Each structure stands twice: as structure tokens, then as C-alpha cells.
């Protein structure tokens, strides 16, 4: 596009809101907080694996370790999804036709890069491992990355995957027993609220 004047006021406001909402994954998160499989990382009743271990008569240490692994696996899948979202936003800056769309897609690219950074740092430094991507998720993300046109990419990313991811993050944050997990997911969800708004505006 060779037109640079604002054309969609709501998108331009969303872009401005995104600029004001930037945060630094390295310095704005308390990385000194303790994360250990010896502690409850989430509410025991909210962990399917912990409850299964309890039903099998396993001791509390085993239950805590199971909940820890459950969170590790789930956040690993969120990390892989955020990497796909990062690539999709990069694609959107090319395929969007209006300058307001391009500017917002560029700002969301920064958000997604930060989400990849914060989840990867958490898993590598605090959990000690990143689980591989699940087969079904990998297939769906590859299909979405190959989708053509703005509408299909926005519908798939903002409506399907972002919506599903936010639901999972909200569930973990709500049941979290660890301040670092709570803070990290709260910050990411604040960004995701803007992303959902972009999806709604573009699907009108």
C-alpha cells in the first residue's frame, strides 16, 4: 500500500494500545521466584495427573511431580503455538492490504516474539525441559501457516488458536499455586485480549 493515512480508526486505536502495553520478558517478570517439583505448582484438585496419582495411592511427592509435569507439557504446547502465531503475524504484515492492519500485525509480531521468549525461558530455566509439539497441534498449525489470504489466517489464528490458548492459560492461571506462573500468564493474557479484538475487527 502507498496510502499511509489512518483508514480504520478502531484498528489505529488498537495499535496505539498495543504500543502502550509493551512489557519486557527479561526484566518485568520476577525470575527469582522459586519453581520446583517439590512444591505444588497448581491446585492439586485442578491437576488431572495429580488426582490420578492420588487415586492410585501414590504419595504427595509423586502427586506434586505429576502436576509439575502436567504444567510443563501444557506450557510447552502453548510455546509451540506462540511460535506459529509469531510466523503468522509476520505473514499478515505482507498480506494485509490496509496500513492500519499492517501496523497492528507488526505490533502483534512483537507480542508473539515476547510470548515465545517468556515461555521458552520459563521452561528452560525453571522447568528444565521443553516437551515436543503434539502431533495433532503440529498438523493444525502447519495447515494454518499454509492458508491463503487475510481472512483465513485471521480466522484461524485469532479466533480458533488464540481463543483456545487463552482459555488454557486462564485455566492454569486460575489454578496456579506459583506466583511466577500466575504473573507470566497474566501478562500474556493481557496481550491476547488485544489480539482477539483485532480478529473481531477484521472479521466484520
C-alpha atoms as a PDB file:
ATOM      1  CA  UNK A   1       0.000   0.000   0.000  1.00  0.00           C
ATOM      2  CA  UNK A   2       1.131   3.532  -0.696  1.00  0.00           C
ATOM      3  CA  UNK A   3      -1.512   5.169   1.487  1.00  0.00           C
ATOM      4  CA  UNK A   4      -0.278   5.999   4.976  1.00  0.00           C
ATOM      5  CA  UNK A   5      -3.158   7.989   6.436  1.00  0.00           C
ATOM      6  CA  UNK A   6      -5.235   6.198   9.114  1.00  0.00           C
ATOM      7  CA  UNK A   7      -8.220   4.498   7.470  1.00  0.00           C
ATOM      8  CA  UNK A   8      -9.744   2.377  10.228  1.00  0.00           C
ATOM      9  CA  UNK A   9      -9.917   4.349  13.458  1.00  0.00           C
ATOM     10  CA  UNK A  10     -10.576   1.310  15.671  1.00  0.00           C
ATOM     11  CA  UNK A  11      -7.523  -0.506  14.306  1.00  0.00           C
ATOM     12  CA  UNK A  12      -5.326   2.544  14.806  1.00  0.00           C
ATOM     13  CA  UNK A  13      -6.524   2.839  18.421  1.00  0.00           C
ATOM     14  CA  UNK A  14      -5.753  -0.848  18.937  1.00  0.00           C
ATOM     15  CA  UNK A  15      -2.270  -0.288  17.515  1.00  0.00           C
ATOM     16  CA  UNK A  16      -1.715   2.597  19.958  1.00  0.00           C
ATOM     17  CA  UNK A  17      -2.992   0.455  22.833  1.00  0.00           C
ATOM     18  CA  UNK A  18      -0.545  -2.262  21.820  1.00  0.00           C
ATOM     19  CA  UNK A  19       2.384   0.160  21.917  1.00  0.00           C
ATOM     20  CA  UNK A  20       1.405   1.321  25.392  1.00  0.00           C
ATOM     21  CA  UNK A  21       1.041  -2.262  26.616  1.00  0.00           C
ATOM     22  CA  UNK A  22       4.536  -3.488  25.770  1.00  0.00           C
ATOM     23  CA  UNK A  23       6.483  -5.249  28.534  1.00  0.00           C
ATOM     24  CA  UNK A  24       9.926  -6.788  28.784  1.00  0.00           C
ATOM     25  CA  UNK A  25      10.032 -10.544  29.340  1.00  0.00           C
ATOM     26  CA  UNK A  26      13.544 -10.331  30.754  1.00  0.00           C
ATOM     27  CA  UNK A  27      13.106  -7.521  33.283  1.00  0.00           C
ATOM     28  CA  UNK A  28       9.382  -7.217  34.057  1.00  0.00           C
ATOM     29  CA  UNK A  29       8.939 -10.785  35.323  1.00  0.00           C
ATOM     30  CA  UNK A  30      10.270 -11.978  38.691  1.00  0.00           C
ATOM     31  CA  UNK A  31      12.586 -14.756  37.555  1.00  0.00           C
ATOM     32  CA  UNK A  32      13.906 -15.191  41.102  1.00  0.00           C
ATOM     33  CA  UNK A  33      10.634 -16.822  42.157  1.00  0.00           C
ATOM     34  CA  UNK A  34      11.019 -20.478  43.147  1.00  0.00           C
ATOM     35  CA  UNK A  35       9.630 -23.131  40.796  1.00  0.00           C
ATOM     36  CA  UNK A  36      10.132 -26.715  41.955  1.00  0.00           C
ATOM     37  CA  UNK A  37       8.579 -30.139  41.510  1.00  0.00           C
ATOM     38  CA  UNK A  38       8.824 -30.418  45.312  1.00  0.00           C
ATOM     39  CA  UNK A  39       6.074 -27.777  45.653  1.00  0.00           C
ATOM     40  CA  UNK A  40       2.518 -27.668  44.369  1.00  0.00           C
ATOM     41  CA  UNK A  41       2.756 -25.693  41.130  1.00  0.00           C
ATOM     42  CA  UNK A  42      -1.048 -25.684  40.863  1.00  0.00           C
ATOM     43  CA  UNK A  43      -4.106 -26.512  42.922  1.00  0.00           C
ATOM     44  CA  UNK A  44      -3.971 -30.307  43.453  1.00  0.00           C
ATOM     45  CA  UNK A  45      -7.669 -30.709  42.622  1.00  0.00           C
ATOM     46  CA  UNK A  46      -7.126 -28.977  39.266  1.00  0.00           C
ATOM     47  CA  UNK A  47      -4.400 -31.381  38.098  1.00  0.00           C
ATOM     48  CA  UNK A  48      -5.747 -34.456  36.327  1.00  0.00           C
ATOM     49  CA  UNK A  49      -2.406 -36.246  36.684  1.00  0.00           C
ATOM     50  CA  UNK A  50      -2.102 -35.430  40.379  1.00  0.00           C
ATOM     51  CA  UNK A  51      -5.615 -36.692  41.014  1.00  0.00           C
ATOM     52  CA  UNK A  52      -4.881 -39.872  39.065  1.00  0.00           C
ATOM     53  CA  UNK A  53      -1.744 -40.472  41.142  1.00  0.00           C
ATOM     54  CA  UNK A  54      -3.777 -39.903  44.311  1.00  0.00           C
ATOM     55  CA  UNK A  55      -6.379 -42.453  43.191  1.00  0.00           C
ATOM     56  CA  UNK A  56      -3.549 -44.922  42.585  1.00  0.00           C
ATOM     57  CA  UNK A  57      -2.341 -44.434  46.148  1.00  0.00           C
ATOM     58  CA  UNK A  58       0.827 -42.527  45.274  1.00  0.00           C
ATOM     59  CA  UNK A  59       2.392 -40.278  47.895  1.00  0.00           C
ATOM     60  CA  UNK A  60       2.116 -36.474  47.866  1.00  0.00           C
ATOM     61  CA  UNK A  61       5.609 -36.015  46.406  1.00  0.00           C
ATOM     62  CA  UNK A  62       4.605 -38.074  43.372  1.00  0.00           C
ATOM     63  CA  UNK A  63       1.380 -36.093  43.042  1.00  0.00           C
ATOM     64  CA  UNK A  64       3.318 -32.801  43.109  1.00  0.00           C
ATOM     65  CA  UNK A  65       5.743 -34.087  40.460  1.00  0.00           C
ATOM     66  CA  UNK A  66       2.817 -35.167  38.269  1.00  0.00           C
ATOM     67  CA  UNK A  67       1.203 -31.720  38.474  1.00  0.00           C
ATOM     68  CA  UNK A  68       4.593 -30.167  37.668  1.00  0.00           C
ATOM     69  CA  UNK A  69       4.923 -32.352  34.550  1.00  0.00           C
ATOM     70  CA  UNK A  70       1.355 -31.546  33.500  1.00  0.00           C
ATOM     71  CA  UNK A  71       2.036 -27.810  33.610  1.00  0.00           C
ATOM     72  CA  UNK A  72       5.358 -28.314  31.804  1.00  0.00           C
ATOM     73  CA  UNK A  73       3.701 -30.203  28.959  1.00  0.00           C
ATOM     74  CA  UNK A  74       0.817 -27.741  28.616  1.00  0.00           C
ATOM     75  CA  UNK A  75       3.031 -24.650  28.573  1.00  0.00           C
ATOM     76  CA  UNK A  76       5.297 -26.395  26.048  1.00  0.00           C
ATOM     77  CA  UNK A  77       2.310 -26.710  23.709  1.00  0.00           C
ATOM     78  CA  UNK A  78       1.455 -23.051  24.306  1.00  0.00           C
ATOM     79  CA  UNK A  79       5.057 -22.160  23.417  1.00  0.00           C
ATOM     80  CA  UNK A  80       4.848 -24.027  20.108  1.00  0.00           C
ATOM     81  CA  UNK A  81       1.541 -22.313  19.349  1.00  0.00           C
ATOM     82  CA  UNK A  82       3.050 -18.908  20.077  1.00  0.00           C
ATOM     83  CA  UNK A  83       5.873 -19.631  17.634  1.00  0.00           C
ATOM     84  CA  UNK A  84       3.283 -20.376  14.943  1.00  0.00           C
ATOM     85  CA  UNK A  85       1.465 -17.148  15.844  1.00  0.00           C
ATOM     86  CA  UNK A  86       4.771 -15.276  15.500  1.00  0.00           C
ATOM     87  CA  UNK A  87       5.203 -16.619  11.964  1.00  0.00           C
ATOM     88  CA  UNK A  88       1.568 -15.939  11.075  1.00  0.00           C
ATOM     89  CA  UNK A  89       1.795 -12.312  12.186  1.00  0.00           C
ATOM     90  CA  UNK A  90       4.872 -11.927  10.021  1.00  0.00           C
ATOM     91  CA  UNK A  91       2.820 -13.250   7.105  1.00  0.00           C
ATOM     92  CA  UNK A  92      -0.023 -10.846   7.914  1.00  0.00           C
ATOM     93  CA  UNK A  93       2.212  -7.801   7.583  1.00  0.00           C
ATOM     94  CA  UNK A  94       2.634  -8.854   3.945  1.00  0.00           C
ATOM     95  CA  UNK A  95      -0.887  -9.970   3.046  1.00  0.00           C
ATOM     96  CA  UNK A  96      -2.867  -7.221   4.819  1.00  0.00           C
ATOM     97  CA  UNK A  97      -3.920  -4.535   2.377  1.00  0.00           C
ATOM     98  CA  UNK A  98      -4.514  -1.537   4.676  1.00  0.00           C
ATOM     99  CA  UNK A  99      -1.811   0.342   6.542  1.00  0.00           C
ATOM    100  CA  UNK A 100      -3.672   0.111   9.864  1.00  0.00           C
ATOM    101  CA  UNK A 101      -3.795  -3.669   9.525  1.00  0.00           C
ATOM    102  CA  UNK A 102      -0.102  -3.822   8.686  1.00  0.00           C
ATOM    103  CA  UNK A 103       0.897  -1.650  11.635  1.00  0.00           C
ATOM    104  CA  UNK A 104      -1.174  -3.689  14.063  1.00  0.00           C
ATOM    105  CA  UNK A 105       0.102  -7.010  12.668  1.00  0.00           C
ATOM    106  CA  UNK A 106       3.654  -5.738  13.145  1.00  0.00           C
ATOM    107  CA  UNK A 107       2.933  -4.820  16.769  1.00  0.00           C
ATOM    108  CA  UNK A 108       1.381  -8.230  17.394  1.00  0.00           C
ATOM    109  CA  UNK A 109       4.503  -9.828  15.924  1.00  0.00           C
ATOM    110  CA  UNK A 110       6.455  -8.181  18.752  1.00  0.00           C
ATOM    111  CA  UNK A 111       3.899  -9.520  21.267  1.00  0.00           C
ATOM    112  CA  UNK A 112       4.239 -13.059  19.928  1.00  0.00           C
ATOM    113  CA  UNK A 113       8.040 -12.848  19.982  1.00  0.00           C
ATOM    114  CA  UNK A 114       7.839 -11.845  23.644  1.00  0.00           C
ATOM    115  CA  UNK A 115       5.492 -14.755  24.401  1.00  0.00           C
ATOM    116  CA  UNK A 116       7.899 -17.186  22.762  1.00  0.00           C
ATOM    117  CA  UNK A 117      10.722 -15.642  24.795  1.00  0.00           C
ATOM    118  CA  UNK A 118       8.928 -15.779  28.159  1.00  0.00           C
ATOM    119  CA  UNK A 119       7.571 -19.325  27.759  1.00  0.00           C
ATOM    120  CA  UNK A 120      10.896 -20.673  26.475  1.00  0.00           C
ATOM    121  CA  UNK A 121      12.813 -19.031  29.326  1.00  0.00           C
ATOM    122  CA  UNK A 122      10.351 -20.397  31.883  1.00  0.00           C
ATOM    123  CA  UNK A 123      10.546 -23.928  30.512  1.00  0.00           C
ATOM    124  CA  UNK A 124      14.317 -23.960  30.053  1.00  0.00           C
ATOM    125  CA  UNK A 125      15.355 -22.146  33.242  1.00  0.00           C
ATOM    126  CA  UNK A 126      12.615 -23.102  35.688  1.00  0.00           C
ATOM    127  CA  UNK A 127      11.163 -26.394  34.452  1.00  0.00           C
ATOM    128  CA  UNK A 128      14.290 -27.816  32.833  1.00  0.00           C
ATOM    129  CA  UNK A 129      12.710 -29.160  29.640  1.00  0.00           C
ATOM    130  CA  UNK A 130      10.568 -28.281  26.634  1.00  0.00           C
ATOM    131  CA  UNK A 131       8.241 -31.071  25.554  1.00  0.00           C
ATOM    132  CA  UNK A 132       7.904 -31.722  21.782  1.00  0.00           C
ATOM    133  CA  UNK A 133       4.842 -30.452  19.982  1.00  0.00           C
ATOM    134  CA  UNK A 134       1.863 -32.803  19.899  1.00  0.00           C
ATOM    135  CA  UNK A 135       1.064 -34.398  16.542  1.00  0.00           C
ATOM    136  CA  UNK A 136      -2.458 -33.007  16.143  1.00  0.00           C
ATOM    137  CA  UNK A 137      -1.369 -29.473  17.090  1.00  0.00           C
ATOM    138  CA  UNK A 138       1.569 -29.628  14.678  1.00  0.00           C
ATOM    139  CA  UNK A 139      -0.701 -30.661  11.799  1.00  0.00           C
ATOM    140  CA  UNK A 140      -3.258 -27.915  12.506  1.00  0.00           C
ATOM    141  CA  UNK A 141      -0.611 -25.200  12.804  1.00  0.00           C
ATOM    142  CA  UNK A 142       1.036 -26.276   9.544  1.00  0.00           C
ATOM    143  CA  UNK A 143      -2.342 -26.086   7.769  1.00  0.00           C
ATOM    144  CA  UNK A 144      -2.910 -22.600   9.166  1.00  0.00           C
ATOM    145  CA  UNK A 145       0.537 -21.396   8.122  1.00  0.00           C
ATOM    146  CA  UNK A 146      -0.211 -22.539   4.557  1.00  0.00           C
ATOM    147  CA  UNK A 147      -3.642 -20.836   4.480  1.00  0.00           C
ATOM    148  CA  UNK A 148      -4.030 -18.090   1.891  1.00  0.00           C
ATOM    149  CA  UNK A 149      -5.479 -14.639   2.422  1.00  0.00           C
ATOM    150  CA  UNK A 150      -6.036 -12.364   5.382  1.00  0.00           C
ATOM    151  CA  UNK A 151      -9.450 -13.714   6.392  1.00  0.00           C
ATOM    152  CA  UNK A 152      -8.396 -17.363   6.669  1.00  0.00           C
ATOM    153  CA  UNK A 153      -5.240 -16.524   8.601  1.00  0.00           C
ATOM    154  CA  UNK A 154      -7.023 -14.170  10.980  1.00  0.00           C
ATOM    155  CA  UNK A 155      -9.933 -16.551  11.489  1.00  0.00           C
ATOM    156  CA  UNK A 156      -7.610 -19.473  12.195  1.00  0.00           C
ATOM    157  CA  UNK A 157      -5.141 -17.624  14.391  1.00  0.00           C
ATOM    158  CA  UNK A 158      -7.192 -15.035  16.291  1.00  0.00           C
ATOM    159  CA  UNK A 159     -10.471 -16.911  16.589  1.00  0.00           C
ATOM    160  CA  UNK A 160      -9.507 -20.576  16.776  1.00  0.00           C
ATOM    161  CA  UNK A 161      -5.997 -20.890  18.183  1.00  0.00           C
ATOM    162  CA  UNK A 162      -5.719 -17.677  20.194  1.00  0.00           C
ATOM    163  CA  UNK A 163      -9.151 -18.267  21.723  1.00  0.00           C
ATOM    164  CA  UNK A 164      -8.271 -21.825  22.676  1.00  0.00           C
ATOM    165  CA  UNK A 165      -4.867 -20.786  24.035  1.00  0.00           C
ATOM    166  CA  UNK A 166      -6.361 -18.029  26.187  1.00  0.00           C
ATOM    167  CA  UNK A 167      -8.841 -20.499  27.658  1.00  0.00           C
ATOM    168  CA  UNK A 168      -5.991 -22.846  28.613  1.00  0.00           C
ATOM    169  CA  UNK A 169      -3.869 -20.006  30.033  1.00  0.00           C
ATOM    170  CA  UNK A 170      -6.795 -18.704  32.058  1.00  0.00           C
ATOM    171  CA  UNK A 171      -7.436 -22.156  33.493  1.00  0.00           C
ATOM    172  CA  UNK A 172      -3.779 -22.627  34.521  1.00  0.00           C
ATOM    173  CA  UNK A 173      -3.511 -19.111  35.952  1.00  0.00           C
ATOM    174  CA  UNK A 174      -6.734 -19.503  37.921  1.00  0.00           C
ATOM    175  CA  UNK A 175      -5.499 -22.750  39.484  1.00  0.00           C
ATOM    176  CA  UNK A 176      -1.860 -21.726  39.825  1.00  0.00           C
ATOM    177  CA  UNK A 177      -0.108 -22.063  43.171  1.00  0.00           C
ATOM    178  CA  UNK A 178       3.088 -20.436  41.871  1.00  0.00           C
ATOM    179  CA  UNK A 179       3.498 -16.628  41.673  1.00  0.00           C
ATOM    180  CA  UNK A 180       5.774 -16.746  38.612  1.00  0.00           C
ATOM    181  CA  UNK A 181       3.301 -18.860  36.628  1.00  0.00           C
ATOM    182  CA  UNK A 182       0.477 -16.535  37.662  1.00  0.00           C
ATOM    183  CA  UNK A 183       2.346 -13.356  36.719  1.00  0.00           C
ATOM    184  CA  UNK A 184       3.653 -14.706  33.415  1.00  0.00           C
ATOM    185  CA  UNK A 185       0.245 -15.893  32.222  1.00  0.00           C
ATOM    186  CA  UNK A 186      -1.468 -12.700  33.383  1.00  0.00           C
ATOM    187  CA  UNK A 187       0.873 -10.596  31.238  1.00  0.00           C
ATOM    188  CA  UNK A 188       0.476 -12.840  28.193  1.00  0.00           C
ATOM    189  CA  UNK A 189      -3.315 -12.849  28.521  1.00  0.00           C
ATOM    190  CA  UNK A 190      -3.371  -9.037  28.557  1.00  0.00           C
ATOM    191  CA  UNK A 191      -1.681  -9.085  25.148  1.00  0.00           C
ATOM    192  CA  UNK A 192      -4.028 -11.788  23.877  1.00  0.00           C
ATOM    193  CA  UNK A 193      -7.066  -9.621  24.665  1.00  0.00           C
ATOM    194  CA  UNK A 194      -5.828  -7.110  22.059  1.00  0.00           C
ATOM    195  CA  UNK A 195      -5.211  -9.908  19.569  1.00  0.00           C
ATOM    196  CA  UNK A 196      -8.776 -11.140  19.930  1.00  0.00           C
ATOM    197  CA  UNK A 197     -10.051  -7.611  19.324  1.00  0.00           C
ATOM    198  CA  UNK A 198      -8.040  -7.448  16.086  1.00  0.00           C
ATOM    199  CA  UNK A 199      -9.653 -10.694  14.967  1.00  0.00           C
ATOM    200  CA  UNK A 200     -13.143  -9.383  15.667  1.00  0.00           C
ATOM    201  CA  UNK A 201     -12.494  -6.119  13.799  1.00  0.00           C
ATOM    202  CA  UNK A 202     -11.150  -7.918  10.751  1.00  0.00           C
ATOM    203  CA  UNK A 203     -13.954 -10.471  10.592  1.00  0.00           C
ATOM    204  CA  UNK A 204     -16.704  -7.821  10.411  1.00  0.00           C
END
